[in-house]
Protein backbone atom coordinates (compact mmCIF):
# COMPACT_ATOMS: atom_id res chain seq x y z
CA MET A 1 -0.28 -0.06 -0.04
CA THR A 2 3.27 2.31 0.06
CA ASP A 3 2.53 3.27 -3.32
CA ALA A 4 -1.20 4.48 -2.41
CA PRO A 5 -1.74 8.11 -1.72
CA ILE A 6 -2.00 9.68 1.79
CA LEU A 7 -5.59 10.97 2.13
CA ILE A 8 -5.73 13.92 3.82
CA ILE A 9 -9.39 15.39 5.45
CA GLY A 10 -9.05 18.65 5.72
CA ALA A 11 -7.61 21.52 4.02
CA GLY A 12 -7.06 23.88 6.93
CA MET A 13 -3.79 24.87 7.77
CA GLY A 14 -2.15 21.59 9.07
CA GLY A 15 -3.27 19.58 6.01
CA LEU A 16 -1.83 21.87 3.91
CA SER A 17 1.39 22.45 5.45
CA ALA A 18 1.52 18.56 5.41
CA ALA A 19 0.38 17.99 2.05
CA ALA A 20 3.46 20.72 0.64
CA LEU A 21 5.86 18.90 2.48
CA LEU A 22 4.85 15.04 1.60
CA VAL A 23 4.45 15.80 -1.98
CA ALA A 24 7.72 17.15 -2.05
CA GLN A 25 8.89 14.34 -0.68
CA GLY A 26 7.64 11.97 -3.52
CA VAL A 27 4.40 10.82 -1.52
CA PRO A 28 1.14 11.10 -3.40
CA VAL A 29 -1.45 13.43 -1.39
CA VAL A 30 -5.23 13.73 -2.04
CA VAL A 31 -7.14 16.16 0.10
CA LEU A 32 -10.04 16.11 0.69
CA GLU A 33 -12.32 19.39 2.05
CA ARG A 34 -16.11 19.67 2.37
CA GLN A 35 -15.80 23.11 2.04
CA PRO A 36 -14.96 24.99 -1.73
CA THR A 37 -12.24 26.17 -0.74
CA PRO A 38 -9.03 25.72 1.31
CA GLY A 39 -7.99 27.31 4.63
CA GLY A 40 -10.02 25.90 7.43
CA LYS A 41 -10.69 28.84 9.60
CA LEU A 42 -8.60 31.30 7.46
CA ARG A 43 -11.78 31.81 5.53
CA GLN A 44 -13.49 34.56 3.91
CA VAL A 45 -16.95 35.75 3.71
CA GLU A 46 -18.60 38.30 1.17
CA VAL A 47 -20.77 40.96 2.73
CA ALA A 48 -22.16 43.61 0.80
CA GLY A 49 -20.23 42.72 -2.47
CA ALA A 50 -16.58 42.68 -0.18
CA ALA A 51 -14.69 39.67 0.80
CA ILE A 52 -14.07 39.96 4.46
CA ASP A 53 -11.17 37.73 6.56
CA ALA A 54 -13.18 36.09 9.03
CA GLY A 55 -10.70 34.18 10.68
CA PRO A 56 -7.22 34.80 12.22
CA THR A 57 -6.15 38.49 11.36
CA VAL A 58 -2.33 38.48 12.78
CA PHE A 59 0.73 37.07 11.19
CA THR A 60 3.10 35.95 13.15
CA MET A 61 6.62 33.43 12.81
CA ARG A 62 7.25 34.01 9.33
CA TRP A 63 10.31 31.90 9.57
CA VAL A 64 7.82 28.75 9.78
CA PHE A 65 6.36 29.87 6.39
CA GLU A 66 9.86 30.37 4.84
CA ARG A 67 10.90 26.71 5.93
CA LEU A 68 7.65 25.38 4.90
CA PHE A 69 8.19 26.78 1.31
CA ALA A 70 11.85 26.06 0.82
CA GLU A 71 11.37 22.83 1.75
CA ALA A 72 8.52 21.98 -0.66
CA GLY A 73 10.27 23.70 -3.27
CA GLY A 74 8.86 27.17 -3.22
CA ASP A 75 9.88 31.23 -2.16
CA PHE A 76 7.46 32.60 0.42
CA ALA A 77 8.63 36.00 -0.26
CA SER A 78 7.79 35.93 -3.84
CA GLU A 79 4.13 33.77 -3.33
CA VAL A 80 2.50 35.54 -0.25
CA ARG A 81 3.07 40.01 0.01
CA LEU A 82 3.34 41.04 3.28
CA ALA A 83 4.20 44.15 5.01
CA PRO A 84 5.82 44.48 8.24
CA THR A 85 4.38 46.27 11.11
CA GLU A 86 5.52 48.68 13.44
CA LEU A 87 2.56 49.91 15.57
CA LEU A 88 0.80 46.13 16.51
CA ALA A 89 -2.02 47.53 18.19
CA ARG A 90 -4.37 50.19 19.09
CA HIS A 91 -5.94 50.12 22.62
CA ALA A 92 -8.74 51.98 24.61
CA TRP A 93 -10.52 51.90 28.23
CA ASP A 94 -14.03 54.16 27.49
CA ASP A 95 -12.80 57.67 26.61
CA ARG A 96 -9.89 57.29 29.04
CA GLY A 97 -7.38 57.76 26.10
CA ILE A 98 -5.67 55.56 23.50
CA PHE A 99 -2.51 53.15 23.89
CA ASP A 100 -0.22 51.74 21.26
CA LEU A 101 1.93 48.71 21.49
CA PHE A 102 4.66 48.46 19.00
CA ALA A 103 6.85 46.01 17.33
CA ASP A 104 10.29 47.97 18.58
CA PRO A 105 10.37 47.31 22.36
CA ALA A 106 12.10 50.97 22.64
CA ALA A 107 8.81 52.44 20.94
CA THR A 108 6.88 50.72 23.66
CA GLU A 109 8.44 51.66 26.32
CA GLN A 110 8.47 55.17 25.22
CA SER A 111 4.26 54.75 24.89
CA ILE A 112 4.20 53.27 28.02
CA GLY A 113 6.17 55.87 29.76
CA GLU A 114 3.79 58.39 28.34
CA PHE A 115 0.65 56.63 29.38
CA PHE A 116 1.24 54.54 32.19
CA GLY A 117 4.85 56.41 34.04
CA ALA A 118 8.15 55.67 34.32
CA THR A 119 7.58 52.50 36.75
CA GLU A 120 5.88 50.51 34.36
CA VAL A 121 8.59 50.70 31.83
CA ARG A 122 10.55 49.08 34.55
CA GLY A 123 8.29 46.31 34.52
CA TYR A 124 7.72 46.13 31.03
CA ARG A 125 11.77 45.56 30.52
CA ALA A 126 11.05 42.73 33.05
CA PHE A 127 8.02 41.04 31.52
CA SER A 128 9.97 41.47 28.12
CA ALA A 129 13.50 39.46 29.47
CA GLU A 130 11.26 36.83 30.79
CA ALA A 131 9.18 36.58 27.99
CA LYS A 132 12.46 35.80 25.71
CA ALA A 133 13.37 33.41 28.34
CA ILE A 134 10.27 31.63 28.10
CA TYR A 135 10.79 31.32 24.39
CA ASP A 136 14.02 30.49 24.13
CA VAL A 137 13.63 27.49 26.38
CA LEU A 138 10.76 26.18 24.72
CA LEU A 139 11.39 26.87 20.76
CA GLY A 140 13.05 23.68 19.88
CA SER A 141 11.73 21.61 23.34
CA PHE A 142 8.10 22.22 22.46
CA LEU A 143 7.55 23.95 19.50
CA GLU A 144 9.06 22.65 17.27
CA GLY A 145 9.38 18.90 18.73
CA SER A 146 7.02 15.77 18.61
CA ARG A 147 4.66 15.92 21.63
CA PRO A 148 6.50 15.58 24.73
CA THR A 149 5.80 14.68 28.24
CA PRO A 150 6.77 16.34 31.32
CA ILE A 151 9.59 13.95 31.63
CA THR A 152 10.67 14.32 28.17
CA LEU A 153 10.56 17.87 27.93
CA MET A 154 13.27 18.42 30.88
CA THR A 155 15.37 15.65 28.60
CA ARG A 156 15.04 17.85 25.84
CA ILE A 157 15.73 21.23 27.80
CA GLY A 158 18.82 19.50 29.45
CA LEU A 159 20.21 19.65 32.64
CA ARG A 160 22.44 22.57 32.06
CA ARG A 161 19.57 24.79 31.13
CA LEU A 162 17.29 23.43 34.67
CA PRO A 163 17.58 27.12 36.25
CA GLU A 164 16.17 28.26 32.75
CA ALA A 165 13.40 25.49 32.28
CA LEU A 166 12.35 26.22 35.91
CA ALA A 167 11.96 29.71 35.18
CA ILE A 168 9.23 29.53 32.69
CA LYS A 169 6.91 28.87 35.80
CA PRO A 170 4.36 26.66 33.93
CA HIS A 171 2.39 26.44 37.63
CA GLN A 172 1.83 29.97 37.79
CA SER A 173 -1.27 31.64 35.86
CA LEU A 174 -0.58 34.45 33.30
CA TRP A 175 -2.50 36.84 35.24
CA ARG A 176 -0.49 36.24 38.58
CA ALA A 177 2.78 36.70 36.70
CA LEU A 178 1.66 40.00 35.37
CA THR A 179 0.70 41.15 38.37
CA ARG A 180 4.67 40.61 39.16
CA HIS A 181 5.14 42.99 36.62
CA PHE A 182 2.78 45.38 36.16
CA ALA A 183 1.04 47.72 39.03
CA ASP A 184 -1.63 49.21 36.41
CA ALA A 185 -4.67 47.11 35.68
CA ARG A 186 -4.81 47.92 32.29
CA LEU A 187 -1.51 46.52 31.42
CA ARG A 188 -2.21 43.46 32.77
CA GLN A 189 -5.21 43.42 30.53
CA LEU A 190 -3.57 44.28 27.74
CA PHE A 191 -0.74 41.47 28.06
CA GLY A 192 -3.00 38.97 29.50
CA ARG A 193 -4.93 38.88 26.35
CA TYR A 194 -2.40 36.65 24.74
CA ALA A 195 -4.03 33.72 26.60
CA THR A 196 -6.89 34.59 24.80
CA TYR A 197 -4.51 33.61 21.67
CA CYS A 198 -5.13 30.23 22.33
CA GLY A 199 -8.67 30.28 23.62
CA ALA A 200 -7.82 30.42 27.28
CA SER A 201 -8.28 32.54 30.11
CA PRO A 202 -5.48 34.51 31.94
CA PHE A 203 -6.49 33.93 34.93
CA ALA A 204 -6.08 30.13 34.52
CA ALA A 205 -3.46 30.12 31.63
CA PRO A 206 -0.23 29.50 32.25
CA ALA A 207 2.33 32.49 32.59
CA THR A 208 4.30 30.34 29.93
CA LEU A 209 2.30 32.06 27.39
CA MET A 210 3.86 35.14 28.02
CA LEU A 211 6.41 33.92 24.80
CA ILE A 212 3.87 35.20 23.11
CA ALA A 213 5.11 38.99 23.62
CA HIS A 214 8.65 37.93 22.12
CA VAL A 215 6.98 36.23 19.00
CA GLU A 216 5.07 39.61 18.14
CA GLN A 217 8.73 41.69 19.18
CA GLN A 218 10.14 39.51 16.59
CA GLY A 219 7.79 40.79 13.77
CA VAL A 220 4.02 40.90 12.78
CA TRP A 221 3.09 41.30 9.43
CA LEU A 222 -0.04 42.29 7.43
CA ALA A 223 -1.13 39.91 4.24
CA LYS A 224 -1.60 42.63 1.27
CA ASP A 225 -3.80 40.43 -0.36
CA GLY A 226 -5.86 39.42 2.62
CA MET A 227 -4.95 36.23 5.28
CA HIS A 228 -6.95 33.76 2.80
CA ALA A 229 -4.24 34.48 0.18
CA ILE A 230 -1.92 32.39 2.71
CA ALA A 231 -4.01 29.37 2.31
CA LYS A 232 -4.28 29.67 -1.55
CA ALA A 233 -0.58 30.02 -1.95
CA ILE A 234 0.11 26.97 0.11
CA GLU A 235 -2.84 25.05 -1.97
CA ALA A 236 -0.69 26.14 -5.07
CA LEU A 237 2.79 25.01 -3.60
CA ALA A 238 1.36 21.52 -3.15
CA LEU A 239 -0.39 21.59 -6.46
CA ARG A 240 3.00 22.40 -7.91
CA GLN A 241 4.31 18.96 -6.68
CA GLY A 242 1.67 17.04 -7.77
CA ALA A 243 -1.25 17.11 -4.76
CA ALA A 244 -4.62 16.37 -5.86
CA PHE A 245 -7.52 18.28 -4.21
CA ARG A 246 -10.95 17.67 -4.00
CA TYR A 247 -13.27 19.93 -2.84
CA GLY A 248 -17.30 19.28 -1.71
CA ALA A 249 -15.79 16.13 -0.64
CA ALA A 250 -17.29 15.39 3.17
CA VAL A 251 -15.73 12.52 4.82
CA ASP A 252 -18.23 10.16 6.75
CA ALA A 253 -16.03 7.56 8.05
CA VAL A 254 -12.74 6.44 8.53
CA LEU A 255 -12.09 3.14 7.14
CA VAL A 256 -10.44 0.61 9.24
CA GLU A 257 -9.27 -2.95 8.38
CA GLY A 258 -7.19 -5.19 10.83
CA GLY A 259 -6.61 -2.53 13.45
CA ARG A 260 -5.44 -0.02 10.79
CA ALA A 261 -6.82 2.84 9.02
CA VAL A 262 -6.78 2.42 5.20
CA GLY A 263 -8.88 4.70 3.90
CA VAL A 264 -12.07 6.72 4.08
CA ARG A 265 -16.01 7.05 2.62
CA LEU A 266 -17.22 10.06 1.29
CA ALA A 267 -20.74 11.10 2.02
CA GLY A 268 -22.05 10.03 -0.88
CA GLY A 269 -20.43 6.68 -0.38
CA GLU A 270 -17.77 6.64 -2.30
CA GLU A 271 -14.51 5.04 -0.78
CA LEU A 272 -10.88 5.41 -1.04
CA ARG A 273 -8.09 3.62 -0.12
CA GLY A 274 -4.81 4.98 0.97
CA SER A 275 -1.33 4.34 2.62
CA ALA A 276 -2.46 6.66 5.48
CA VAL A 277 -5.15 8.96 6.54
CA LEU A 278 -4.13 12.24 8.09
CA CYS A 279 -6.73 14.12 9.76
CA ASN A 280 -7.20 17.54 9.81
CA ALA A 281 -9.99 18.01 11.91
CA ASP A 282 -10.65 18.47 15.79
CA PRO A 283 -9.80 15.58 18.10
CA ALA A 284 -12.86 15.73 19.35
CA ALA A 285 -14.59 14.83 16.00
CA LEU A 286 -12.94 11.53 16.13
CA ALA A 287 -13.55 11.03 19.43
CA VAL A 288 -17.47 11.24 19.19
CA GLY A 289 -17.46 9.39 15.75
CA LYS A 290 -17.88 12.06 13.58
CA PHE A 291 -15.59 10.02 11.52
CA GLY A 292 -17.26 6.56 12.25
CA ASP A 293 -17.36 4.22 15.04
CA ALA A 294 -14.43 2.31 14.25
CA ALA A 295 -11.94 5.94 14.56
CA ARG A 296 -13.00 6.56 18.01
CA ARG A 297 -10.36 5.05 19.42
CA ALA A 298 -7.75 7.54 17.47
CA THR A 299 -8.04 10.25 20.25
CA PRO A 300 -9.93 8.78 23.28
CA GLY A 301 -11.16 11.40 25.88
CA ALA A 302 -10.64 14.21 23.62
CA GLU A 303 -14.45 14.95 24.18
CA ARG A 304 -14.14 15.13 27.71
CA MET A 305 -11.21 18.03 27.55
CA GLN A 306 -12.57 21.68 28.42
CA ARG A 307 -12.95 23.30 25.31
CA SER A 308 -11.23 26.76 24.50
CA LEU A 309 -12.94 29.95 23.72
CA SER A 310 -15.34 30.38 21.02
CA SER A 311 -16.50 33.84 19.77
CA MET A 312 -19.20 36.03 18.60
CA THR A 313 -17.75 37.46 14.96
CA TRP A 314 -19.07 40.65 13.22
CA MET A 315 -18.14 40.62 9.94
CA VAL A 316 -18.87 44.32 8.66
CA ASN A 317 -18.85 46.26 5.32
CA ALA A 318 -20.15 50.09 6.34
CA PRO A 319 -18.49 53.51 6.84
CA THR A 320 -17.22 54.29 10.06
CA GLY A 321 -16.18 57.55 12.16
CA GLY A 322 -14.31 59.05 15.14
CA PHE A 323 -12.31 56.52 16.64
CA PRO A 324 -8.87 56.89 14.77
CA LEU A 325 -8.28 52.99 13.51
CA VAL A 326 -5.56 50.95 12.77
CA ARG A 327 -5.52 47.30 11.33
CA HIS A 328 -5.46 46.27 14.90
CA ASN A 329 -7.34 47.62 17.94
CA VAL A 330 -8.94 46.53 21.37
CA PHE A 331 -11.52 48.18 22.91
CA PHE A 332 -11.42 46.72 26.90
CA SER A 333 -14.28 46.01 28.84
CA ASP A 334 -14.18 47.46 32.34
CA ASP A 335 -13.91 44.12 34.45
CA TYR A 336 -11.80 41.28 33.06
CA ARG A 337 -12.60 38.71 35.75
CA ALA A 338 -15.93 38.72 35.05
CA GLU A 339 -15.68 38.25 31.51
CA PHE A 340 -13.55 35.21 31.56
CA ASP A 341 -15.79 34.23 34.74
CA ALA A 342 -19.31 34.44 32.43
CA ILE A 343 -17.61 32.67 29.85
CA PHE A 344 -15.64 29.80 31.75
CA ALA A 345 -17.44 29.41 34.94
CA ARG A 346 -21.00 30.25 33.93
CA GLY A 347 -21.11 29.38 29.79
CA GLN A 348 -22.49 32.62 29.50
CA LEU A 349 -21.89 35.66 27.23
CA PRO A 350 -19.97 38.26 28.97
CA ALA A 351 -22.08 41.49 29.96
CA ARG A 352 -19.53 44.07 29.41
CA PRO A 353 -16.87 42.31 26.73
CA THR A 354 -13.78 43.04 25.53
CA VAL A 355 -13.88 43.96 21.63
CA TYR A 356 -11.06 43.02 19.24
CA VAL A 357 -11.83 45.23 15.81
CA CYS A 358 -9.71 44.26 12.55
CA ALA A 359 -9.46 47.20 10.28
CA GLN A 360 -9.01 45.51 7.02
CA ASP A 361 -8.35 48.87 4.83
CA ARG A 362 -6.31 50.21 7.11
CA ASP A 363 -2.13 49.82 7.61
CA ASP A 364 -0.83 49.91 11.15
CA ARG A 365 -0.63 53.77 10.94
CA GLY A 366 -4.39 53.99 10.07
CA GLY A 367 -3.53 54.72 6.54
CA TRP A 368 -5.92 53.27 3.82
CA VAL A 369 -4.42 50.34 1.43
CA GLY A 370 -5.49 49.35 -1.95
CA ALA A 371 -8.33 51.54 -3.45
CA SER A 372 -10.34 52.12 0.06
CA SER A 373 -10.96 55.72 1.12
CA GLU A 374 -12.40 57.30 3.55
CA GLN A 375 -15.15 58.31 1.49
CA GLY A 376 -16.57 54.80 1.56
CA PRO A 377 -17.44 51.71 3.50
CA GLU A 378 -14.85 49.82 5.20
CA ARG A 379 -14.42 46.00 6.14
CA LEU A 380 -13.89 44.97 9.38
CA GLN A 381 -14.10 41.94 11.72
CA LEU A 382 -15.18 42.51 15.34
CA ILE A 383 -14.79 39.62 17.88
CA VAL A 384 -16.04 39.28 20.82
CA ASN A 385 -15.26 36.22 23.32
CA ALA A 386 -17.94 33.62 23.73
CA PRO A 387 -18.13 30.29 25.17
CA ALA A 388 -18.31 27.09 23.18
CA ASN A 389 -21.68 25.86 23.44
CA GLY A 390 -22.68 25.90 19.87
CA ASP A 391 -23.53 22.08 20.29
CA GLY A 392 -26.26 22.96 23.41
CA PRO A 393 -28.80 25.07 23.48
CA GLY A 394 -26.40 27.79 23.85
CA PRO A 395 -27.63 31.87 24.32
CA SER A 396 -30.76 32.81 23.87
CA ALA A 397 -32.00 35.40 20.84
CA ALA A 398 -32.41 37.71 23.74
CA GLU A 399 -28.55 36.96 25.42
CA VAL A 400 -27.38 37.65 21.86
CA VAL A 401 -29.09 40.87 21.43
CA ALA A 402 -27.63 42.07 24.62
CA CYS A 403 -24.11 41.00 23.98
CA GLU A 404 -24.48 42.75 20.59
CA THR A 405 -25.72 45.98 22.16
CA ALA A 406 -22.87 45.90 24.99
CA THR A 407 -20.51 45.48 22.03
CA PHE A 408 -21.44 48.41 19.82
CA GLU A 409 -22.28 50.71 23.20
CA LEU A 410 -18.55 50.00 24.41
CA LEU A 411 -17.42 51.07 20.86
CA ALA A 412 -19.26 54.30 20.85
CA ARG A 413 -18.22 55.03 24.16
CA CYS A 414 -14.51 54.72 22.87
CA GLY A 415 -15.76 57.22 20.05
CA LEU A 416 -16.10 54.85 17.48
CA ASP A 417 -19.39 54.81 15.02
CA ILE A 418 -20.32 52.31 12.65
CA THR A 419 -23.23 52.88 10.37
CA ARG A 420 -24.05 49.45 9.27
CA THR A 421 -27.60 47.91 8.43
CA PRO A 422 -28.98 44.32 8.45
CA ASP A 423 -27.22 44.31 4.89
CA THR A 424 -23.77 45.28 5.68
CA SER A 425 -23.27 43.01 8.92
CA LEU A 426 -22.82 39.56 9.47
CA LEU A 427 -22.87 37.35 12.68
CA MET A 428 -21.21 34.51 13.29
CA THR A 429 -21.94 32.70 16.39
CA PRO A 430 -20.97 29.63 18.66
CA ALA A 431 -23.77 27.64 17.16
CA GLY A 432 -22.44 28.77 13.48
CA TYR A 433 -18.80 27.83 13.99
CA GLU A 434 -19.86 24.20 15.17
CA ALA A 435 -21.61 23.86 11.72
CA LEU A 436 -18.44 24.40 10.19
CA PHE A 437 -16.03 22.75 12.71
CA PRO A 438 -18.49 19.46 14.01
CA ALA A 439 -17.79 18.67 17.82
CA THR A 440 -16.17 21.37 18.98
CA GLY A 441 -19.18 23.94 20.09
CA GLY A 442 -17.54 26.53 18.35
CA ALA A 443 -14.56 25.99 20.23
CA LEU A 444 -11.64 27.77 17.82
CA TYR A 445 -8.97 26.88 19.83
CA GLY A 446 -8.90 23.06 20.75
CA LEU A 447 -8.81 22.59 24.20
CA ALA A 448 -8.33 25.31 26.64
CA ALA A 449 -4.87 26.53 27.65
CA HIS A 450 -5.75 26.21 31.24
CA GLY A 451 -3.02 24.91 33.88
CA TRP A 452 0.48 23.23 33.48
CA ARG A 453 -0.88 20.03 32.27
CA THR A 454 -2.50 21.13 29.34
CA PRO A 455 0.48 21.22 26.80
CA PHE A 456 1.18 17.47 27.36
CA GLN A 457 -2.86 16.22 26.72
CA ARG A 458 -3.19 17.86 23.08
CA PRO A 459 -2.49 14.71 21.05
CA GLY A 460 0.45 14.47 18.81
CA ALA A 461 0.77 13.28 15.46
CA ALA A 462 0.40 9.92 15.82
CA SER A 463 -3.22 8.88 17.03
CA LYS A 464 -3.93 5.91 18.85
CA LEU A 465 -5.28 4.06 15.72
CA PRO A 466 -2.28 2.65 13.94
CA GLY A 467 -2.20 4.41 10.06
CA LEU A 468 -4.64 7.56 11.37
CA TYR A 469 -2.40 10.90 11.89
CA LEU A 470 -3.30 14.24 13.37
CA ALA A 471 -2.78 17.86 12.70
CA GLY A 472 -4.67 21.17 13.09
CA GLY A 473 -4.84 23.74 16.20
CA GLY A 474 -6.44 21.20 18.26
CA VAL A 475 -3.36 18.83 18.31
CA HIS A 476 0.51 19.54 19.36
CA PRO A 477 2.15 22.43 19.53
CA GLY A 478 -1.27 23.99 19.71
CA ALA A 479 -3.15 26.87 18.05
CA GLY A 480 -2.43 29.66 15.80
CA LEU A 481 -1.44 29.79 12.60
CA PRO A 482 2.04 29.24 12.97
CA MET A 483 1.14 26.36 15.36
CA ALA A 484 -0.97 24.65 12.94
CA SER A 485 1.46 24.38 9.97
CA LEU A 486 4.11 23.31 12.76
CA SER A 487 1.65 20.51 13.39
CA GLY A 488 1.28 19.52 9.64
CA ARG A 489 4.97 19.39 9.36
CA LEU A 490 5.64 17.15 12.63
CA ALA A 491 2.92 15.00 11.07
CA ALA A 492 4.42 14.91 7.71
CA MET A 493 7.63 13.86 9.51
CA ARG A 494 5.81 10.82 11.44
CA ILE A 495 4.52 9.62 8.40
CA LEU A 496 7.75 9.45 6.18
CA SER A 497 9.51 7.88 9.43
CA ASP A 498 6.83 5.15 9.65
CA ARG A 499 6.86 4.94 5.75
CA ALA A 500 10.48 4.08 6.15
CA ARG A 501 10.29 1.82 8.73
CA ARG A 502 7.36 -0.63 6.89
């Protein structure tokens, strides 16, 4: 069966990355995607005649993709148009002024000094140094390596670096670590938001997530042709090497014979045989039988893990005014703990949410890009954190309306006016995300990164079912575009290794 193709379920970032790497090594690949386009969560929707990025909006760890393209015979710099950002994000708390965070630590220090005072600058320096130390320890030992156990992680780090390993503070919450560095609660909010990049609460996520600050200092880029263009570029890379893609091809079941995955059955009944199957879907979908009863044992217990955040997401194409938007903007709740207590403790939409706004027609300084101008509408993605209960009763219609009202009232208090109508705004709820990504409840990041054990609970590239491999944001090393791409790389490496031994 080694001449049979690898069957990849899902053209998300993990599946795309694995496909490109495998075909570059001469392994035939067929990618099966039930949607009409590649990308998974890296998708676009049309609102009032404009295509709006409806998934991830921040691009970091460029080196992950440069290496992917180089290993698969491409050139990332010439195939994906990016622009570096200097201003990472603009932040507001009601009408109490605007604070800008920069990629250059010196610029951020100046901004902090002017807004929060000299004492907080010293806290920021210590915070940045700790973030870099954590990143340096975990890059090779965890992010790029196969899923470790606590013992193998320490072995990879090595005894000589034991003091550094102990300094990553996995048993301390991110919020507590931030309290050590910052006296002003607004700075704790700002940097605590890194937990939400992994779908977690800053009050429960480990302090190791401080490493995201160092990742951003290494560079954040804007995709000139939209984020979805990155998925299209990786698809084109894989196609040039000989990968086959079938869209509108929903997989009903993984075929298992002799205790091994040997193929898939599509929704129409067609059966495809392969030398192995790679599933780029949430591990819970396998565990609850979305891919057949025989594949349930591939990821045992995945359905019982605490789910990460979902979201209420508005895609808007409408005129704006007042607040000086840049590409990335955050409008903070006045009670951050209550926001996450509502979501994780009570499974409710927050009464006073924090709102992220991606102004997709702006650059990092607020200038207009492309053919856009201040005379017309602009494309926005607005995100409010929500519980992942889209496969249950979920919020009532009245609760959704209350959340929407609170969201746009906060923006108005901060000075942002959005002139939207039902025809220029589209809302995605946890139930909508559940429909796109079954068995997740709308969770967008796999399991919640709460506590020190979480990094060791995500499945690795090889599932418990021989012949079935895993990739995506729900498996090791975690959520986010670069992490999902790395998961595809780890899956491809494991498949190649297993093929060499057969």
